[in-house]
Amino acid sequence: MDTQATPIAHHAVHYVNRVGWLRAAVLGANDGIVSTASLMTGIAASGASSQSILLSGVAALVAGAMSMAAGEYVSVSAQSDTERADLAKEEKALRTQPHAEWVELRDIYVERGLTLDLAGQVAEQLMAADALGAHARDELGISDLATARPVQAALASAASFAAGAAPPVVAAALAPAGGAIPAIVGMCLLCLILLGYAGAKLGGAKPFRSIVRTLFWGVLAMAITASAGHLFGAAI
């Protein structure tokens, strides 16, 4: 009889590698839904015509998608520039004072719980294999998973914004006369529920909290914008 325990395969699923594009996608979709639906609701509450409501939605979709793409690209590019500058400094330090850099890396591992001798050996072996990579990861916190990718962030934000903004626009286009607000609000709430659920599942989180959070801010934005539109419409 075989008394040796059979090893159990361990397949842990991690979601951190999705952080870059998932953050941009959720932000873009949420912004697309909330900003477009809020704008159209505010325009409708002011007493505008169906054509004006629809036109405002289309304009919001196009302008918002381009704004999100530009904003993400510029902001993430700034992050990428900072990372490159830090890596260049680290590369120069490794060339000019390798021992000091070894001490620095060793002390990092000591702070994480290794003994001084073991930390020194680990630092020495990691620097022999990839000195810049070791310092980028453990000293600067830069890794392949967290590296800034401006183009990826811009495309994800633009596409997700357009995808989020499209349903309220379609709802307004198909709504009967005088029924734009219920149609837009209903579609917005449905989309926010789906977004909260999808974002939580893709990120490995529990959906309920994500859905409630997404709904709360979406409803608040629409309510405030609709109130502003109603007051402005009444004033003119």
Foldseek 3Di string as FASTA:
>chain_A
DDPDDDDDDDDDDAQLLVVQLLVLLLVLLLCLLQVLLLQLLLQVLLVDFLVVSLVSLVVCLVVSLQVSLVVLLVVLVVVLVVLVVVLVVVVVCCVPPVVVLLVVQLVLVVVVPDDSVVSSVVSVVVCVVPVSQSCCCRVVVDDPSPRRDSNSSSVSNSVSSNVNSVQLSVQSVPADGPCSNVSSVVSSLVSLLVSLQVSQVSNVHDSPVSSVVSNVVSVVSNVVSNVVSNVVSVVD
